[in-house]
C-alpha cells in the first residue's frame, strides 16, 4: 500500500526524494448497517464493480431484517 501523506525534512530548496516501492496491492471493502444496528462487511482483493455491489446487496436482502435505506459513497 502506498503512503497517503508523509512529512519529510530536507535542506531548503532541495526537494526530498522519497523511495517507496510502488505496488498495485490494495483491498476494497463494502459494508452495510441495518436499522437495528447490525453491521455486515465484505473485504476483497479486487475493486468493486456494479455486479459485486449488487451481489453484496442481494446477500443483505437475505438477512432477516426490516427494510433499510441504501446510501452509496465511492472513493
N, C-alpha and C. Protein backbone atom coordinates (compact mmCIF):
# COMPACT_ATOMS: atom_id res chain seq x y z
N UNK A 1 0.84 -1.16 0.00
CA UNK A 1 0.00 0.00 0.00
C UNK A 1 0.89 1.24 0.00
N UNK A 2 0.46 2.25 -0.67
CA UNK A 2 1.24 3.47 -0.76
C UNK A 2 0.89 4.40 0.41
N UNK A 3 1.88 5.14 0.90
CA UNK A 3 1.57 6.10 1.96
C UNK A 3 0.68 7.21 1.41
N UNK A 4 -0.28 7.64 2.20
CA UNK A 4 -1.19 8.69 1.75
C UNK A 4 -0.54 10.06 1.93
N UNK A 5 0.02 10.31 3.09
CA UNK A 5 0.67 11.59 3.34
C UNK A 5 1.89 11.35 4.21
N UNK A 6 2.96 12.02 3.89
CA UNK A 6 4.18 11.89 4.69
C UNK A 6 4.77 13.27 4.89
N UNK A 7 5.51 13.42 5.96
CA UNK A 7 6.24 14.66 6.21
C UNK A 7 7.72 14.34 6.03
N UNK A 8 8.40 15.17 5.30
CA UNK A 8 9.83 14.95 5.06
C UNK A 8 10.61 16.19 5.47
N UNK A 9 11.86 15.98 5.75
CA UNK A 9 12.74 17.08 6.12
C UNK A 9 13.91 17.07 5.15
N UNK A 10 14.21 18.22 4.59
CA UNK A 10 15.33 18.36 3.67
C UNK A 10 15.85 19.79 3.77
N UNK A 11 17.10 19.99 3.37
CA UNK A 11 17.62 21.36 3.35
C UNK A 11 16.77 22.24 2.43
N UNK A 12 16.74 23.54 2.70
CA UNK A 12 15.95 24.47 1.89
C UNK A 12 16.33 24.39 0.43
N UNK A 13 15.31 24.50 -0.40
CA UNK A 13 15.43 24.47 -1.85
C UNK A 13 15.97 23.14 -2.39
N UNK A 14 15.88 22.10 -1.61
CA UNK A 14 16.28 20.76 -2.08
C UNK A 14 15.09 19.83 -1.88
N UNK A 15 14.49 19.45 -2.97
CA UNK A 15 13.31 18.59 -2.89
C UNK A 15 13.71 17.22 -2.35
N UNK A 16 13.05 16.76 -1.29
CA UNK A 16 13.37 15.43 -0.78
C UNK A 16 12.90 14.36 -1.77
N UNK A 17 13.65 13.30 -1.86
CA UNK A 17 13.30 12.19 -2.74
C UNK A 17 12.83 11.04 -1.86
N UNK A 18 11.59 10.63 -2.08
CA UNK A 18 11.03 9.52 -1.32
C UNK A 18 11.23 8.24 -2.13
N UNK A 19 11.80 7.26 -1.50
CA UNK A 19 11.98 5.98 -2.15
C UNK A 19 10.98 5.00 -1.55
N UNK A 20 9.91 4.78 -2.29
CA UNK A 20 8.84 3.89 -1.86
C UNK A 20 8.61 2.88 -2.95
N UNK A 21 8.56 1.62 -2.56
CA UNK A 21 8.27 0.57 -3.53
C UNK A 21 6.82 0.73 -3.99
N UNK A 22 6.62 0.97 -5.27
CA UNK A 22 5.28 1.17 -5.81
C UNK A 22 4.67 -0.18 -6.17
N UNK A 23 3.51 -0.45 -5.63
CA UNK A 23 2.79 -1.68 -5.94
C UNK A 23 1.34 -1.33 -6.24
N UNK A 24 0.66 -2.25 -6.80
CA UNK A 24 -0.76 -2.06 -7.07
C UNK A 24 -1.62 -2.87 -6.09
N UNK A 25 -1.02 -3.31 -5.01
CA UNK A 25 -1.75 -4.06 -4.00
C UNK A 25 -2.77 -3.15 -3.32
N UNK A 26 -3.97 -3.65 -3.14
CA UNK A 26 -4.98 -2.91 -2.43
C UNK A 26 -6.08 -3.85 -1.96
N UNK A 27 -6.87 -3.37 -1.07
CA UNK A 27 -8.07 -4.07 -0.64
C UNK A 27 -9.26 -3.14 -0.86
N UNK A 28 -10.38 -3.72 -1.18
CA UNK A 28 -11.63 -2.97 -1.31
C UNK A 28 -12.60 -3.50 -0.27
N UNK A 29 -13.37 -2.61 0.30
CA UNK A 29 -14.31 -3.01 1.35
C UNK A 29 -15.68 -2.40 1.07
N UNK A 30 -16.69 -3.13 1.49
CA UNK A 30 -18.07 -2.65 1.40
C UNK A 30 -18.75 -3.08 2.69
N UNK A 31 -19.64 -2.25 3.20
CA UNK A 31 -20.33 -2.61 4.43
C UNK A 31 -21.75 -2.09 4.40
N UNK A 32 -22.55 -2.65 5.26
CA UNK A 32 -23.94 -2.23 5.39
C UNK A 32 -24.36 -2.29 6.85
N UNK A 33 -25.13 -1.32 7.27
CA UNK A 33 -25.64 -1.28 8.64
C UNK A 33 -27.16 -1.30 8.57
N UNK A 34 -27.76 -2.24 9.27
CA UNK A 34 -29.22 -2.33 9.27
C UNK A 34 -29.79 -1.33 10.26
N UNK A 35 -31.08 -1.10 10.18
CA UNK A 35 -31.73 -0.16 11.09
C UNK A 35 -31.68 -0.64 12.54
N UNK A 36 -31.53 -1.96 12.75
CA UNK A 36 -31.42 -2.45 14.12
C UNK A 36 -29.97 -2.51 14.60
N UNK A 37 -29.02 -1.96 13.82
CA UNK A 37 -27.64 -1.79 14.27
C UNK A 37 -26.67 -2.90 13.92
N UNK A 38 -27.08 -3.87 13.13
CA UNK A 38 -26.17 -4.95 12.75
C UNK A 38 -25.27 -4.49 11.60
N UNK A 39 -24.00 -4.83 11.68
CA UNK A 39 -23.02 -4.44 10.68
C UNK A 39 -22.63 -5.65 9.84
N UNK A 40 -22.69 -5.51 8.54
CA UNK A 40 -22.24 -6.54 7.61
C UNK A 40 -21.14 -5.94 6.77
N UNK A 41 -20.02 -6.67 6.64
CA UNK A 41 -18.87 -6.13 5.91
C UNK A 41 -18.25 -7.21 5.04
N UNK A 42 -17.76 -6.80 3.89
CA UNK A 42 -17.08 -7.71 2.97
C UNK A 42 -15.81 -7.02 2.48
N UNK A 43 -14.70 -7.75 2.49
CA UNK A 43 -13.41 -7.25 2.01
C UNK A 43 -12.93 -8.18 0.91
N UNK A 44 -12.39 -7.59 -0.15
CA UNK A 44 -11.88 -8.40 -1.25
C UNK A 44 -10.67 -7.73 -1.88
N UNK A 45 -9.89 -8.53 -2.61
CA UNK A 45 -8.69 -8.01 -3.25
C UNK A 45 -9.01 -7.14 -4.46
N UNK A 46 -10.02 -7.49 -5.21
CA UNK A 46 -10.35 -6.76 -6.43
C UNK A 46 -11.25 -5.58 -6.13
N UNK A 47 -11.27 -4.63 -7.04
CA UNK A 47 -12.17 -3.48 -6.91
C UNK A 47 -13.61 -3.93 -7.09
N UNK A 48 -14.51 -3.16 -6.49
CA UNK A 48 -15.94 -3.45 -6.64
C UNK A 48 -16.45 -2.82 -7.92
N UNK A 49 -17.19 -3.61 -8.68
CA UNK A 49 -17.90 -3.08 -9.84
C UNK A 49 -19.39 -3.19 -9.53
N UNK A 50 -20.23 -2.80 -10.45
CA UNK A 50 -21.68 -2.80 -10.21
C UNK A 50 -22.19 -4.19 -9.85
N UNK A 51 -21.68 -5.22 -10.52
CA UNK A 51 -22.13 -6.58 -10.24
C UNK A 51 -21.78 -7.03 -8.83
N UNK A 52 -20.61 -6.66 -8.35
CA UNK A 52 -20.20 -7.04 -6.99
C UNK A 52 -21.04 -6.31 -5.94
N UNK A 53 -21.37 -5.05 -6.21
CA UNK A 53 -22.21 -4.30 -5.28
C UNK A 53 -23.61 -4.90 -5.23
N UNK A 54 -24.15 -5.24 -6.38
CA UNK A 54 -25.48 -5.87 -6.42
C UNK A 54 -25.45 -7.21 -5.69
N UNK A 55 -24.39 -7.97 -5.87
CA UNK A 55 -24.26 -9.25 -5.17
C UNK A 55 -24.24 -9.07 -3.66
N UNK A 56 -23.52 -8.05 -3.19
CA UNK A 56 -23.50 -7.78 -1.75
C UNK A 56 -24.88 -7.39 -1.24
N UNK A 57 -25.58 -6.53 -2.01
CA UNK A 57 -26.93 -6.12 -1.60
C UNK A 57 -27.90 -7.31 -1.59
N UNK A 58 -27.73 -8.25 -2.52
CA UNK A 58 -28.58 -9.45 -2.52
C UNK A 58 -28.37 -10.27 -1.26
N UNK A 59 -27.11 -10.37 -0.82
CA UNK A 59 -26.83 -11.10 0.42
C UNK A 59 -27.49 -10.40 1.59
N UNK A 60 -27.43 -9.07 1.61
CA UNK A 60 -28.07 -8.33 2.70
C UNK A 60 -29.58 -8.54 2.71
N UNK A 61 -30.19 -8.64 1.53
CA UNK A 61 -31.64 -8.84 1.45
C UNK A 61 -32.07 -10.19 2.01
N UNK A 62 -31.16 -11.16 2.06
CA UNK A 62 -31.48 -12.48 2.59
C UNK A 62 -31.47 -12.50 4.11
N UNK A 63 -30.89 -11.47 4.74
CA UNK A 63 -30.83 -11.41 6.20
C UNK A 63 -32.19 -11.02 6.75
N UNK A 64 -32.60 -11.65 7.85
CA UNK A 64 -33.89 -11.29 8.43
C UNK A 64 -33.81 -9.93 9.10
N UNK A 65 -34.27 -8.93 8.43
CA UNK A 65 -34.23 -7.57 8.95
C UNK A 65 -35.34 -6.76 8.31
N UNK A 66 -35.55 -5.61 8.84
CA UNK A 66 -36.55 -4.75 8.24
C UNK A 66 -35.95 -3.99 7.07
N UNK A 67 -36.78 -3.28 6.32
CA UNK A 67 -36.28 -2.51 5.19
C UNK A 67 -35.29 -1.45 5.68
N UNK A 68 -34.30 -1.17 4.84
CA UNK A 68 -33.29 -0.19 5.22
C UNK A 68 -32.95 0.67 4.01
N UNK A 69 -32.65 1.93 4.24
CA UNK A 69 -32.23 2.79 3.12
C UNK A 69 -30.83 2.38 2.64
N UNK A 70 -30.53 2.71 1.39
CA UNK A 70 -29.22 2.41 0.81
C UNK A 70 -28.54 3.72 0.44
N UNK A 71 -27.31 3.88 0.90
CA UNK A 71 -26.50 5.06 0.55
C UNK A 71 -25.17 4.56 0.01
N UNK A 72 -24.76 5.03 -1.15
CA UNK A 72 -23.50 4.62 -1.76
C UNK A 72 -22.55 5.80 -1.80
N UNK A 73 -21.30 5.54 -1.43
CA UNK A 73 -20.25 6.56 -1.50
C UNK A 73 -19.03 5.91 -2.11
N UNK A 74 -18.52 6.49 -3.17
CA UNK A 74 -17.34 5.94 -3.82
C UNK A 74 -16.11 6.76 -3.50
N UNK A 75 -14.96 6.09 -3.59
CA UNK A 75 -13.73 6.82 -3.31
C UNK A 75 -12.64 6.49 -4.26
